[in-house]
Amino acid sequence: MQNKRKLGQIGEELAVEYYEKNGYEILDTNYTIPGGELDVIAQKNGEIVFVEVKVVDQIDDLMWYIKPQKLKFLEKTIQDYMYKKNLEFDVRLDVAFVKNNSILDVFENVTNS
C-alpha cells in the first residue's frame, strides 16, 4: 500500500507539472470529502479542470480505469468543491495517465454519458 501511495503521489506531481507547463494555475491538490477525492485542480481561461491521475502499466480502455460509479463520486466531489469555494466557472474533468514517471496520455473532458 505504501508503494502504491508513493506512485500515486509521483503521478500527481507529474500531472501538476504537465498542467503548469501548459499554462494552468494549480488551485488545489488532494481535495477530499467522504466518498471522493480530486487529485489536481487547475484553472485556465475561465475554466476549472479537475484531474484524476491514474498510474498504469498500459491503457486498454478508459472505462476500465474510470467506471460510472467512480465518475459519480468525482462529480459529487466537484460539486462540493465548487460550492464550498463559491466558484462559478465552466468545469472539465480530465484523466491523466502516468507510466514510468511520465505522462502517458491525458483524456480531456471525460463525462458520465
Protein backbone atom coordinates (compact mmCIF):
# COMPACT_ATOMS: atom_id res chain seq x y z
CA MET A 1 0.00 0.00 0.00
CA GLN A 2 2.85 2.38 0.84
CA ASN A 3 4.43 1.84 -2.60
CA LYS A 4 1.10 2.42 -4.36
CA ARG A 5 0.59 5.65 -2.43
CA LYS A 6 4.13 6.81 -3.33
CA LEU A 7 3.50 6.02 -7.03
CA GLY A 8 0.24 7.95 -6.85
CA GLN A 9 1.98 10.93 -5.30
CA ILE A 10 4.65 10.91 -8.03
CA GLY A 11 1.89 10.70 -10.65
CA GLU A 12 0.10 13.68 -9.14
CA GLU A 13 3.34 15.71 -9.12
CA LEU A 14 3.84 14.88 -12.81
CA ALA A 15 0.27 15.97 -13.57
CA VAL A 16 0.84 19.27 -11.74
CA GLU A 17 3.98 19.86 -13.81
CA TYR A 18 2.13 18.96 -17.03
CA TYR A 19 -0.71 21.40 -16.38
CA GLU A 20 1.63 24.18 -15.21
CA LYS A 21 3.71 23.78 -18.40
CA ASN A 22 0.50 24.16 -20.37
CA GLY A 23 -0.36 27.47 -18.72
CA TYR A 24 -2.70 26.33 -15.97
CA GLU A 25 -2.68 27.72 -12.45
CA ILE A 26 -2.85 24.96 -9.84
CA LEU A 27 -5.59 25.81 -7.35
CA ASP A 28 -5.50 22.72 -5.16
CA THR A 29 -4.39 19.11 -4.83
CA ASN A 30 -5.86 16.17 -2.96
CA TYR A 31 -9.20 17.78 -2.14
CA THR A 32 -11.07 15.13 -0.17
CA ILE A 33 -14.60 14.64 1.10
CA PRO A 34 -16.22 11.45 2.38
CA GLY A 35 -16.58 9.27 -0.72
CA GLY A 36 -14.40 11.27 -3.07
CA GLU A 37 -11.05 12.85 -3.82
CA LEU A 38 -9.86 15.24 -6.51
CA ASP A 39 -6.18 14.74 -7.29
CA VAL A 40 -5.39 18.04 -9.03
CA ILE A 41 -7.48 21.16 -9.55
CA ALA A 42 -6.27 23.69 -12.11
CA GLN A 43 -7.62 26.82 -13.80
CA LYS A 44 -7.06 28.48 -17.16
CA ASN A 45 -9.12 30.87 -19.28
CA GLY A 46 -12.17 30.87 -17.02
CA GLU A 47 -12.36 27.07 -16.82
CA ILE A 48 -11.59 24.88 -13.83
CA VAL A 49 -10.12 21.49 -14.64
CA PHE A 50 -10.37 18.61 -12.21
CA VAL A 51 -7.76 15.96 -12.90
CA GLU A 52 -7.97 12.30 -11.89
CA VAL A 53 -4.48 10.80 -12.01
CA LYS A 54 -4.02 7.10 -12.78
CA VAL A 55 -0.65 5.35 -12.63
CA VAL A 56 -0.83 2.48 -15.12
CA ASP A 57 1.19 -0.11 -16.99
CA GLN A 58 -0.84 0.42 -20.17
CA ILE A 59 -4.11 1.96 -21.35
CA ASP A 60 -6.56 -0.58 -22.73
CA ASP A 61 -9.84 1.21 -22.26
CA LEU A 62 -10.55 4.42 -20.36
CA MET A 63 -13.68 2.91 -18.83
CA TRP A 64 -11.58 0.12 -17.31
CA TYR A 65 -9.99 2.77 -15.08
CA ILE A 66 -12.92 5.15 -14.59
CA LYS A 67 -16.12 3.24 -14.00
CA PRO A 68 -19.53 5.03 -13.88
CA GLN A 69 -19.58 4.72 -10.06
CA LYS A 70 -16.20 6.49 -9.85
CA LEU A 71 -17.45 9.24 -12.17
CA LYS A 72 -20.45 9.80 -9.86
CA PHE A 73 -18.13 10.18 -6.87
CA LEU A 74 -15.90 12.57 -8.83
CA GLU A 75 -18.90 14.63 -9.96
CA LYS A 76 -20.18 14.85 -6.38
CA THR A 77 -16.75 15.94 -5.17
CA ILE A 78 -16.50 18.55 -7.94
CA GLN A 79 -19.91 19.97 -6.96
CA ASP A 80 -18.82 20.10 -3.32
CA TYR A 81 -15.58 21.89 -4.21
CA MET A 82 -17.33 24.45 -6.40
CA TYR A 83 -19.95 25.12 -3.72
CA LYS A 84 -17.53 25.41 -0.80
CA LYS A 85 -15.16 27.66 -2.77
CA ASN A 86 -18.13 29.69 -4.10
CA LEU A 87 -16.89 29.34 -7.68
CA GLU A 88 -18.93 29.80 -10.83
CA PHE A 89 -16.78 28.71 -13.76
CA ASP A 90 -17.06 26.16 -16.53
CA VAL A 91 -15.67 22.86 -15.33
CA ARG A 92 -13.93 19.96 -17.03
CA LEU A 93 -12.84 16.54 -15.81
CA ASP A 94 -9.60 15.14 -17.22
CA VAL A 95 -7.91 11.82 -16.60
CA ALA A 96 -4.11 11.85 -16.71
CA PHE A 97 -2.41 8.50 -17.21
CA VAL A 98 1.13 8.17 -15.86
CA LYS A 99 3.57 5.40 -16.75
CA ASN A 100 7.29 5.09 -15.97
CA ASN A 101 7.45 8.53 -14.36
CA SER A 102 5.98 10.41 -17.31
CA ILE A 103 2.57 11.43 -18.62
CA LEU A 104 1.44 8.68 -20.99
CA ASP A 105 -1.77 10.37 -22.10
CA VAL A 106 -4.42 12.85 -20.96
CA PHE A 107 -8.09 12.33 -21.73
CA GLU A 108 -9.84 15.69 -21.57
CA ASN A 109 -13.47 16.35 -20.72
CA VAL A 110 -14.41 12.87 -19.51
CA THR A 111 -18.14 12.61 -18.77
CA ASN A 112 -20.60 10.07 -17.48
CA SER A 113 -22.51 9.89 -20.75
